Amino acid sequence: MVQAYQGYFRKGRFISQEAAEIPDNVEAYVMLTGKRFPQPKTKAQQQLEAFDKFVSAVRLIDDEPLTADDFAELEETRANFNREVSL
């Protein structure tokens, strides 16, 4: 019986999205396609990307810049997420 599993190698180990139990001592053929998968982003990279998108979105706003009064209003009306737990 021939079965095919799609995945990639990382540090000498085969990584697949499909769960498969391959028994020991089974003959296998490996075919390399040359296609490379992107490296997963670190949490810091994800946060930097999100911040860059935020800054880009803010720069697209053509309205007048915020004034001191605007900042004071934002401070007064901001959401406060303090939680109290009673045991």
N, C-alpha and C. Protein backbone atom coordinates (compact mmCIF):
# COMPACT_ATOMS: atom_id res chain seq x y z
N MET A 1 0.85 -1.17 0.00
CA MET A 1 0.00 0.00 0.00
C MET A 1 0.89 1.24 0.00
N VAL A 2 0.56 2.22 -0.82
CA VAL A 2 1.32 3.46 -0.92
C VAL A 2 0.45 4.60 -0.37
N GLN A 3 1.03 5.40 0.52
CA GLN A 3 0.34 6.56 1.08
C GLN A 3 1.23 7.77 0.89
N ALA A 4 0.64 8.92 0.70
CA ALA A 4 1.40 10.17 0.54
C ALA A 4 1.05 11.12 1.67
N TYR A 5 2.05 11.80 2.21
CA TYR A 5 1.87 12.80 3.25
C TYR A 5 2.57 14.07 2.82
N GLN A 6 1.90 15.18 2.90
CA GLN A 6 2.50 16.46 2.54
C GLN A 6 2.99 17.14 3.80
N GLY A 7 4.16 17.73 3.72
CA GLY A 7 4.72 18.42 4.87
C GLY A 7 6.04 19.04 4.49
N TYR A 8 6.90 19.22 5.47
CA TYR A 8 8.22 19.81 5.24
C TYR A 8 9.16 19.30 6.31
N PHE A 9 10.46 19.52 6.09
CA PHE A 9 11.46 19.12 7.06
C PHE A 9 11.93 20.34 7.83
N ARG A 10 12.06 20.19 9.13
CA ARG A 10 12.63 21.22 9.99
C ARG A 10 13.59 20.53 10.96
N LYS A 11 14.83 20.95 10.89
CA LYS A 11 15.89 20.39 11.75
C LYS A 11 15.92 18.87 11.64
N GLY A 12 15.79 18.37 10.41
CA GLY A 12 15.91 16.94 10.16
C GLY A 12 14.66 16.13 10.49
N ARG A 13 13.58 16.77 10.88
CA ARG A 13 12.35 16.05 11.21
C ARG A 13 11.25 16.43 10.22
N PHE A 14 10.45 15.45 9.87
CA PHE A 14 9.34 15.68 8.95
C PHE A 14 8.15 16.21 9.72
N ILE A 15 7.62 17.36 9.27
CA ILE A 15 6.48 18.02 9.91
C ILE A 15 5.32 18.00 8.92
N SER A 16 4.17 17.48 9.35
CA SER A 16 3.00 17.40 8.49
C SER A 16 1.78 17.92 9.22
N GLN A 17 0.86 18.51 8.47
CA GLN A 17 -0.40 18.98 9.06
C GLN A 17 -1.31 17.79 9.37
N GLU A 18 -1.10 16.70 8.66
CA GLU A 18 -1.91 15.50 8.85
C GLU A 18 -1.33 14.66 9.98
N ALA A 19 -2.19 14.16 10.83
CA ALA A 19 -1.74 13.24 11.88
C ALA A 19 -1.56 11.87 11.25
N ALA A 20 -0.39 11.29 11.41
CA ALA A 20 -0.14 9.97 10.81
C ALA A 20 0.81 9.20 11.72
N GLU A 21 0.49 7.96 11.92
CA GLU A 21 1.40 7.07 12.64
C GLU A 21 2.08 6.20 11.61
N ILE A 22 3.36 6.39 11.45
CA ILE A 22 4.13 5.61 10.49
C ILE A 22 4.97 4.63 11.30
N PRO A 23 4.74 3.36 11.11
CA PRO A 23 5.46 2.37 11.91
C PRO A 23 6.96 2.36 11.59
N ASP A 24 7.74 1.90 12.53
CA ASP A 24 9.18 1.77 12.32
C ASP A 24 9.45 0.74 11.22
N ASN A 25 10.59 0.88 10.59
CA ASN A 25 11.10 -0.06 9.59
C ASN A 25 10.19 -0.21 8.37
N VAL A 26 9.46 0.85 8.01
CA VAL A 26 8.63 0.84 6.81
C VAL A 26 9.41 1.57 5.72
N GLU A 27 9.47 0.97 4.55
CA GLU A 27 10.17 1.61 3.44
C GLU A 27 9.44 2.90 3.07
N ALA A 28 10.21 3.97 2.82
CA ALA A 28 9.62 5.27 2.48
C ALA A 28 10.45 5.94 1.41
N TYR A 29 9.80 6.72 0.57
CA TYR A 29 10.46 7.52 -0.45
C TYR A 29 10.17 8.98 -0.15
N VAL A 30 11.16 9.82 -0.27
CA VAL A 30 10.99 11.24 -0.03
C VAL A 30 11.22 11.98 -1.34
N MET A 31 10.26 12.80 -1.73
CA MET A 31 10.38 13.60 -2.94
C MET A 31 10.42 15.07 -2.53
N LEU A 32 11.47 15.78 -2.91
CA LEU A 32 11.60 17.19 -2.57
C LEU A 32 11.11 18.03 -3.75
N THR A 33 10.22 18.98 -3.47
CA THR A 33 9.67 19.83 -4.53
C THR A 33 10.42 21.13 -4.69
N GLY A 34 11.17 21.53 -3.69
CA GLY A 34 11.90 22.79 -3.76
C GLY A 34 11.09 23.97 -3.22
N LYS A 35 9.79 23.78 -3.03
CA LYS A 35 8.95 24.86 -2.49
C LYS A 35 9.30 25.06 -1.03
N ARG A 36 9.49 26.31 -0.65
CA ARG A 36 9.83 26.63 0.74
C ARG A 36 8.64 27.27 1.44
N PHE A 37 8.42 26.88 2.67
CA PHE A 37 7.35 27.44 3.47
C PHE A 37 7.91 28.57 4.31
N PRO A 38 7.13 29.63 4.52
CA PRO A 38 7.63 30.74 5.33
C PRO A 38 7.84 30.31 6.78
N GLN A 39 8.85 30.89 7.39
CA GLN A 39 9.12 30.62 8.80
C GLN A 39 8.02 31.25 9.64
N PRO A 40 7.57 30.56 10.69
CA PRO A 40 6.57 31.17 11.57
C PRO A 40 7.14 32.42 12.23
N LYS A 41 6.30 33.43 12.39
CA LYS A 41 6.75 34.68 12.99
C LYS A 41 6.76 34.55 14.51
N THR A 42 7.74 35.20 15.13
CA THR A 42 7.80 35.23 16.58
C THR A 42 6.74 36.19 17.10
N LYS A 43 6.46 36.12 18.38
CA LYS A 43 5.47 37.03 18.97
C LYS A 43 5.91 38.48 18.79
N ALA A 44 7.20 38.74 18.96
CA ALA A 44 7.71 40.10 18.79
C ALA A 44 7.52 40.58 17.36
N GLN A 45 7.75 39.71 16.37
CA GLN A 45 7.54 40.09 14.97
C GLN A 45 6.07 40.37 14.70
N GLN A 46 5.18 39.56 15.26
CA GLN A 46 3.74 39.77 15.09
C GLN A 46 3.31 41.11 15.70
N GLN A 47 3.85 41.42 16.89
CA GLN A 47 3.48 42.67 17.56
C GLN A 47 4.01 43.88 16.77
N LEU A 48 5.23 43.77 16.25
CA LEU A 48 5.79 44.87 15.46
C LEU A 48 4.98 45.09 14.19
N GLU A 49 4.58 44.00 13.55
CA GLU A 49 3.76 44.10 12.35
C GLU A 49 2.41 44.77 12.66
N ALA A 50 1.78 44.39 13.77
CA ALA A 50 0.52 45.00 14.17
C ALA A 50 0.70 46.49 14.47
N PHE A 51 1.80 46.84 15.14
CA PHE A 51 2.06 48.25 15.45
C PHE A 51 2.29 49.05 14.18
N ASP A 52 3.04 48.49 13.23
CA ASP A 52 3.28 49.18 11.96
C ASP A 52 1.97 49.41 11.20
N LYS A 53 1.08 48.41 11.22
CA LYS A 53 -0.23 48.58 10.57
C LYS A 53 -1.03 49.68 11.26
N PHE A 54 -0.96 49.72 12.59
CA PHE A 54 -1.67 50.76 13.34
C PHE A 54 -1.15 52.14 12.98
N VAL A 55 0.18 52.30 12.97
CA VAL A 55 0.77 53.60 12.64
C VAL A 55 0.40 54.01 11.21
N SER A 56 0.42 53.05 10.29
CA SER A 56 0.04 53.36 8.90
C SER A 56 -1.40 53.82 8.83
N ALA A 57 -2.29 53.16 9.58
CA ALA A 57 -3.70 53.55 9.57
C ALA A 57 -3.88 54.94 10.16
N VAL A 58 -3.15 55.26 11.21
CA VAL A 58 -3.25 56.58 11.83
C VAL A 58 -2.77 57.65 10.85
N ARG A 59 -1.71 57.35 10.10
CA ARG A 59 -1.18 58.34 9.14
C ARG A 59 -2.15 58.61 7.99
N LEU A 60 -3.07 57.67 7.72
CA LEU A 60 -4.04 57.86 6.64
C LEU A 60 -5.16 58.82 7.03
N ILE A 61 -5.28 59.11 8.31
CA ILE A 61 -6.33 60.02 8.78
C ILE A 61 -5.95 61.44 8.39
N ASP A 62 -6.83 62.09 7.62
CA ASP A 62 -6.53 63.44 7.12
C ASP A 62 -7.11 64.54 7.99
N ASP A 63 -7.76 64.16 9.08
CA ASP A 63 -8.37 65.18 9.96
C ASP A 63 -7.28 65.98 10.66
N GLU A 64 -7.73 67.01 11.33
CA GLU A 64 -6.80 67.84 12.10
C GLU A 64 -6.18 67.02 13.23
N PRO A 65 -4.96 67.37 13.61
CA PRO A 65 -4.33 66.64 14.72
C PRO A 65 -5.11 66.82 16.02
N LEU A 66 -4.95 65.85 16.91
CA LEU A 66 -5.64 65.91 18.20
C LEU A 66 -5.06 67.04 19.05
N THR A 67 -5.95 67.71 19.77
CA THR A 67 -5.54 68.80 20.66
C THR A 67 -5.44 68.28 22.09
N ALA A 68 -4.97 69.13 22.98
CA ALA A 68 -4.88 68.76 24.39
C ALA A 68 -6.27 68.47 24.94
N ASP A 69 -7.28 69.22 24.50
CA ASP A 69 -8.66 68.98 24.93
C ASP A 69 -9.15 67.61 24.45
N ASP A 70 -8.77 67.24 23.22
CA ASP A 70 -9.15 65.92 22.69
C ASP A 70 -8.55 64.80 23.55
N PHE A 71 -7.29 64.96 23.90
CA PHE A 71 -6.64 63.94 24.74
C PHE A 71 -7.29 63.87 26.12
N ALA A 72 -7.66 65.00 26.67
CA ALA A 72 -8.32 65.03 27.98
C ALA A 72 -9.66 64.30 27.90
N GLU A 73 -10.40 64.51 26.81
CA GLU A 73 -11.68 63.84 26.63
C GLU A 73 -11.48 62.32 26.49
N LEU A 74 -10.48 61.94 25.73
CA LEU A 74 -10.18 60.50 25.59
C LEU A 74 -9.85 59.88 26.94
N GLU A 75 -9.09 60.60 27.74
CA GLU A 75 -8.71 60.10 29.07
C GLU A 75 -9.93 59.93 29.96
N GLU A 76 -10.86 60.87 29.90
CA GLU A 76 -12.06 60.83 30.74
C GLU A 76 -13.03 59.72 30.32
N THR A 77 -13.10 59.44 29.03
CA THR A 77 -14.10 58.49 28.53
C THR A 77 -13.53 57.11 28.20
N ARG A 78 -12.29 56.87 28.54
CA ARG A 78 -11.68 55.57 28.20
C ARG A 78 -12.32 54.45 29.02
N ALA A 79 -12.24 53.28 28.49
CA ALA A 79 -12.76 52.11 29.21
C ALA A 79 -11.75 51.68 30.26
N ASN A 80 -12.25 51.30 31.41
CA ASN A 80 -11.39 50.85 32.50
C ASN A 80 -11.76 49.41 32.80
N PHE A 81 -10.83 48.49 32.68
CA PHE A 81 -11.11 47.08 32.81
C PHE A 81 -10.58 46.48 34.10
N ASN A 82 -10.67 47.21 35.20
CA ASN A 82 -10.27 46.64 36.48
C ASN A 82 -11.29 45.59 36.89
N ARG A 83 -10.82 44.46 37.34
CA ARG A 83 -11.74 43.39 37.76
C ARG A 83 -11.46 43.06 39.21
N GLU A 84 -12.54 42.81 39.93
CA GLU A 84 -12.39 42.41 41.33
C GLU A 84 -12.97 41.02 41.47
N VAL A 85 -12.29 40.20 42.24
CA VAL A 85 -12.75 38.84 42.48
C VAL A 85 -12.92 38.65 43.98
N SER A 86 -14.09 38.18 44.37
CA SER A 86 -14.33 37.88 45.78
C SER A 86 -14.38 36.36 45.93
N LEU A 87 -13.61 35.88 46.86
CA LEU A 87 -13.62 34.42 47.12
C LEU A 87 -14.25 34.14 48.46
